[in-house]
Amino acid sequence: MGLRELVQDKSVRQDIVKDCTLLIDKQVAAKPGLGGVALKATYGVVKNVGSGYVPGAIQRVLPDVCQSLDPIWEEGLKAGDPVQYLSQNQSRTADAILETTDARAAKSDNKVVRSSYNKLRKSIKGDVEAAVPGLAEILGRHALVS
């Protein structure tokens, strides 16, 4: 079963959304320096759009992200460990995620979210790469037991 099919199960999808929300919260909170201050401020603006905005955004983008990650995940399955494979291919995995979020942000009707995303976009690839091992573990925890 591919990742895209995995998230079609509503209960699995909800669990992944909860785990990813926690991962993002931790990643943002741990970001040091001036870049961290900017990221935390922007993330705060996005979270203030509504208490459920971040989990809702993850819920909406997750099927597309999983579809974009499926080829890498499948390569990892063939190599014997998709979690490790995603982690070892952080840059490629981050690129796949960002292509998806770029497309979604460009279509967003919410000007605050779109503006916030566009301000941070140039500087977030490293942050997304840093989150890949955590995301890989989340996906593995849910996909490899199903």
C-alpha atoms as a PDB file:
ATOM      1  CA  MET A   1       0.000   0.000   0.000  1.00  0.00           C
ATOM      2  CA  GLY A   2       1.284   3.440  -0.906  1.00  0.00           C
ATOM      3  CA  LEU A   3       1.274   6.437   1.406  1.00  0.00           C
ATOM      4  CA  ARG A   4      -1.553   8.075  -0.540  1.00  0.00           C
ATOM      5  CA  GLU A   5      -3.769   5.047   0.071  1.00  0.00           C
ATOM      6  CA  LEU A   6      -2.731   4.956   3.726  1.00  0.00           C
ATOM      7  CA  VAL A   7      -4.137   8.421   4.414  1.00  0.00           C
ATOM      8  CA  GLN A   8      -7.470   7.514   2.868  1.00  0.00           C
ATOM      9  CA  ASP A   9      -8.236   5.754   6.177  1.00  0.00           C
ATOM     10  CA  LYS A  10      -9.730   8.606   8.225  1.00  0.00           C
ATOM     11  CA  SER A  11      -8.520   7.361  11.610  1.00  0.00           C
ATOM     12  CA  VAL A  12      -4.964   6.824  10.346  1.00  0.00           C
ATOM     13  CA  ARG A  13      -5.051  10.210   8.669  1.00  0.00           C
ATOM     14  CA  GLN A  14      -6.197  11.903  11.892  1.00  0.00           C
ATOM     15  CA  ASP A  15      -3.395  10.209  13.844  1.00  0.00           C
ATOM     16  CA  ILE A  16      -0.813  11.321  11.283  1.00  0.00           C
ATOM     17  CA  VAL A  17      -2.198  14.879  11.378  1.00  0.00           C
ATOM     18  CA  LYS A  18      -1.888  14.963  15.189  1.00  0.00           C
ATOM     19  CA  ASP A  19       1.670  13.617  15.039  1.00  0.00           C
ATOM     20  CA  CYS A  20       2.688  16.056  12.290  1.00  0.00           C
ATOM     21  CA  THR A  21       1.180  19.008  14.174  1.00  0.00           C
ATOM     22  CA  LEU A  22       3.276  18.092  17.216  1.00  0.00           C
ATOM     23  CA  LEU A  23       6.363  17.669  15.010  1.00  0.00           C
ATOM     24  CA  ILE A  24       5.902  21.130  13.491  1.00  0.00           C
ATOM     25  CA  ASP A  25       5.296  22.708  16.903  1.00  0.00           C
ATOM     26  CA  LYS A  26       8.529  21.134  18.225  1.00  0.00           C
ATOM     27  CA  GLN A  27      10.543  22.095  15.137  1.00  0.00           C
ATOM     28  CA  VAL A  28       9.406  25.716  15.310  1.00  0.00           C
ATOM     29  CA  ALA A  29       9.970  25.958  19.072  1.00  0.00           C
ATOM     30  CA  ALA A  30      13.518  24.601  18.709  1.00  0.00           C
ATOM     31  CA  LYS A  31      14.543  26.994  15.921  1.00  0.00           C
ATOM     32  CA  PRO A  32      17.331  29.236  17.302  1.00  0.00           C
ATOM     33  CA  GLY A  33      18.524  32.731  16.448  1.00  0.00           C
ATOM     34  CA  LEU A  34      16.990  35.490  14.392  1.00  0.00           C
ATOM     35  CA  GLY A  35      15.660  33.000  11.885  1.00  0.00           C
ATOM     36  CA  GLY A  36      13.895  31.272  14.756  1.00  0.00           C
ATOM     37  CA  VAL A  37      12.368  34.523  15.925  1.00  0.00           C
ATOM     38  CA  ALA A  38      11.003  35.219  12.441  1.00  0.00           C
ATOM     39  CA  LEU A  39       9.738  31.658  12.029  1.00  0.00           C
ATOM     40  CA  LYS A  40       8.078  31.656  15.444  1.00  0.00           C
ATOM     41  CA  ALA A  41       6.415  35.006  14.759  1.00  0.00           C
ATOM     42  CA  THR A  42       5.103  33.905  11.389  1.00  0.00           C
ATOM     43  CA  TYR A  43       3.959  30.545  12.746  1.00  0.00           C
ATOM     44  CA  GLY A  44       2.155  32.413  15.521  1.00  0.00           C
ATOM     45  CA  VAL A  45       0.342  34.539  12.935  1.00  0.00           C
ATOM     46  CA  VAL A  46      -0.726  31.426  11.042  1.00  0.00           C
ATOM     47  CA  LYS A  47      -1.861  29.669  14.232  1.00  0.00           C
ATOM     48  CA  ASN A  48      -3.890  32.756  15.153  1.00  0.00           C
ATOM     49  CA  VAL A  49      -5.883  32.431  11.936  1.00  0.00           C
ATOM     50  CA  GLY A  50      -7.802  29.815  13.912  1.00  0.00           C
ATOM     51  CA  SER A  51      -7.038  27.228  16.566  1.00  0.00           C
ATOM     52  CA  GLY A  52      -7.534  24.386  14.118  1.00  0.00           C
ATOM     53  CA  TYR A  53      -5.851  26.022  11.152  1.00  0.00           C
ATOM     54  CA  VAL A  54      -2.517  24.159  11.325  1.00  0.00           C
ATOM     55  CA  PRO A  55      -4.052  20.681  11.787  1.00  0.00           C
ATOM     56  CA  GLY A  56      -6.632  21.546   9.120  1.00  0.00           C
ATOM     57  CA  ALA A  57      -3.916  22.632   6.699  1.00  0.00           C
ATOM     58  CA  ILE A  58      -2.001  19.408   7.340  1.00  0.00           C
ATOM     59  CA  GLN A  59      -5.222  17.434   6.824  1.00  0.00           C
ATOM     60  CA  ARG A  60      -5.808  19.151   3.483  1.00  0.00           C
ATOM     61  CA  VAL A  61      -2.254  18.851   2.133  1.00  0.00           C
ATOM     62  CA  LEU A  62      -1.440  15.380   3.481  1.00  0.00           C
ATOM     63  CA  PRO A  63      -2.860  13.339   0.575  1.00  0.00           C
ATOM     64  CA  ASP A  64      -0.912  15.428  -1.957  1.00  0.00           C
ATOM     65  CA  VAL A  65       2.291  15.283   0.111  1.00  0.00           C
ATOM     66  CA  CYS A  66       1.930  11.520   0.458  1.00  0.00           C
ATOM     67  CA  GLN A  67       1.392  11.184  -3.272  1.00  0.00           C
ATOM     68  CA  SER A  68       4.562  13.192  -3.931  1.00  0.00           C
ATOM     69  CA  LEU A  69       6.488  11.064  -1.424  1.00  0.00           C
ATOM     70  CA  ASP A  70       5.179   7.718  -2.719  1.00  0.00           C
ATOM     71  CA  PRO A  71       7.967   7.183  -5.292  1.00  0.00           C
ATOM     72  CA  ILE A  72      10.655   7.808  -2.669  1.00  0.00           C
ATOM     73  CA  TRP A  73       8.807   5.624  -0.139  1.00  0.00           C
ATOM     74  CA  GLU A  74       8.522   2.808  -2.701  1.00  0.00           C
ATOM     75  CA  GLU A  75      12.257   3.021  -3.408  1.00  0.00           C
ATOM     76  CA  GLY A  76      12.793   2.758   0.332  1.00  0.00           C
ATOM     77  CA  LEU A  77      10.578  -0.305   0.563  1.00  0.00           C
ATOM     78  CA  LYS A  78      12.643  -1.953  -2.174  1.00  0.00           C
ATOM     79  CA  ALA A  79      15.834  -0.982  -0.317  1.00  0.00           C
ATOM     80  CA  GLY A  80      14.439  -2.570   2.849  1.00  0.00           C
ATOM     81  CA  ASP A  81      13.703   0.416   5.107  1.00  0.00           C
ATOM     82  CA  PRO A  82      11.561   3.281   3.797  1.00  0.00           C
ATOM     83  CA  VAL A  83      11.908   5.292   7.012  1.00  0.00           C
ATOM     84  CA  GLN A  84      15.692   5.244   6.819  1.00  0.00           C
ATOM     85  CA  TYR A  85      15.567   5.848   3.062  1.00  0.00           C
ATOM     86  CA  LEU A  86      13.479   9.023   3.422  1.00  0.00           C
ATOM     87  CA  SER A  87      15.845  10.212   6.146  1.00  0.00           C
ATOM     88  CA  GLN A  88      18.902   9.511   4.007  1.00  0.00           C
ATOM     89  CA  ASN A  89      17.312  11.422   1.129  1.00  0.00           C
ATOM     90  CA  GLN A  90      16.339  14.490   3.143  1.00  0.00           C
ATOM     91  CA  SER A  91      16.933  17.025   0.396  1.00  0.00           C
ATOM     92  CA  ARG A  92      14.938  15.112  -2.209  1.00  0.00           C
ATOM     93  CA  THR A  93      12.152  14.441   0.301  1.00  0.00           C
ATOM     94  CA  ALA A  94      12.043  18.109   1.322  1.00  0.00           C
ATOM     95  CA  ASP A  95      11.878  19.160  -2.332  1.00  0.00           C
ATOM     96  CA  ALA A  96       8.898  16.858  -2.902  1.00  0.00           C
ATOM     97  CA  ILE A  97       7.105  18.271   0.138  1.00  0.00           C
ATOM     98  CA  LEU A  98       7.863  21.885  -0.792  1.00  0.00           C
ATOM     99  CA  GLU A  99       6.683  21.461  -4.382  1.00  0.00           C
ATOM    100  CA  THR A 100       3.352  20.372  -2.969  1.00  0.00           C
ATOM    101  CA  THR A 101       3.092  23.115  -0.362  1.00  0.00           C
ATOM    102  CA  ASP A 102       4.188  25.742  -2.901  1.00  0.00           C
ATOM    103  CA  ALA A 103       1.323  24.748  -5.179  1.00  0.00           C
ATOM    104  CA  ARG A 104      -1.155  24.759  -2.303  1.00  0.00           C
ATOM    105  CA  ALA A 105       0.010  28.136  -0.963  1.00  0.00           C
ATOM    106  CA  ALA A 106      -0.259  29.698  -4.411  1.00  0.00           C
ATOM    107  CA  LYS A 107      -3.920  28.622  -4.565  1.00  0.00           C
ATOM    108  CA  SER A 108      -4.792  29.737  -1.024  1.00  0.00           C
ATOM    109  CA  ASP A 109      -7.612  32.224  -0.671  1.00  0.00           C
ATOM    110  CA  ASN A 110      -6.247  33.261   2.716  1.00  0.00           C
ATOM    111  CA  LYS A 111      -3.999  36.254   2.052  1.00  0.00           C
ATOM    112  CA  VAL A 112      -2.400  36.151   5.524  1.00  0.00           C
ATOM    113  CA  VAL A 113      -1.376  32.528   5.121  1.00  0.00           C
ATOM    114  CA  ARG A 114      -0.192  33.007   1.538  1.00  0.00           C
ATOM    115  CA  SER A 115       1.827  36.102   2.461  1.00  0.00           C
ATOM    116  CA  SER A 116       3.354  34.423   5.528  1.00  0.00           C
ATOM    117  CA  TYR A 117       4.311  31.341   3.509  1.00  0.00           C
ATOM    118  CA  ASN A 118       5.847  33.416   0.728  1.00  0.00           C
ATOM    119  CA  LYS A 119       7.940  35.438   3.207  1.00  0.00           C
ATOM    120  CA  LEU A 120       9.439  32.309   4.720  1.00  0.00           C
ATOM    121  CA  ARG A 121       9.631  30.096   1.650  1.00  0.00           C
ATOM    122  CA  LYS A 122      13.207  30.950   0.643  1.00  0.00           C
ATOM    123  CA  SER A 123      14.558  30.074   4.063  1.00  0.00           C
ATOM    124  CA  ILE A 124      12.556  26.992   5.049  1.00  0.00           C
ATOM    125  CA  LYS A 125      14.085  24.200   2.976  1.00  0.00           C
ATOM    126  CA  GLY A 126      16.644  23.500   5.695  1.00  0.00           C
ATOM    127  CA  ASP A 127      13.864  23.412   8.276  1.00  0.00           C
ATOM    128  CA  VAL A 128      11.861  20.967   6.184  1.00  0.00           C
ATOM    129  CA  GLU A 129      14.969  18.825   5.682  1.00  0.00           C
ATOM    130  CA  ALA A 130      15.524  18.816   9.452  1.00  0.00           C
ATOM    131  CA  ALA A 131      11.947  17.604   9.961  1.00  0.00           C
ATOM    132  CA  VAL A 132      12.216  14.743   7.442  1.00  0.00           C
ATOM    133  CA  PRO A 133      13.487  12.107   9.913  1.00  0.00           C
ATOM    134  CA  GLY A 134      10.590  12.889  12.263  1.00  0.00           C
ATOM    135  CA  LEU A 135       8.105  12.767   9.400  1.00  0.00           C
ATOM    136  CA  ALA A 136       9.622   9.503   8.166  1.00  0.00           C
ATOM    137  CA  GLU A 137       9.190   7.991  11.629  1.00  0.00           C
ATOM    138  CA  ILE A 138       5.564   9.147  11.764  1.00  0.00           C
ATOM    139  CA  LEU A 139       4.807   7.661   8.358  1.00  0.00           C
ATOM    140  CA  GLY A 140       6.631   4.462   9.221  1.00  0.00           C
ATOM    141  CA  ARG A 141       4.792   4.097  12.510  1.00  0.00           C
ATOM    142  CA  HIS A 142       1.469   4.253  10.693  1.00  0.00           C
ATOM    143  CA  ALA A 143       2.287   2.626   7.347  1.00  0.00           C
ATOM    144  CA  LEU A 144       4.370  -0.294   8.501  1.00  0.00           C
ATOM    145  CA  VAL A 145       1.786  -1.521  11.015  1.00  0.00           C
ATOM    146  CA  SER A 146      -1.165  -1.278   8.632  1.00  0.00           C
END
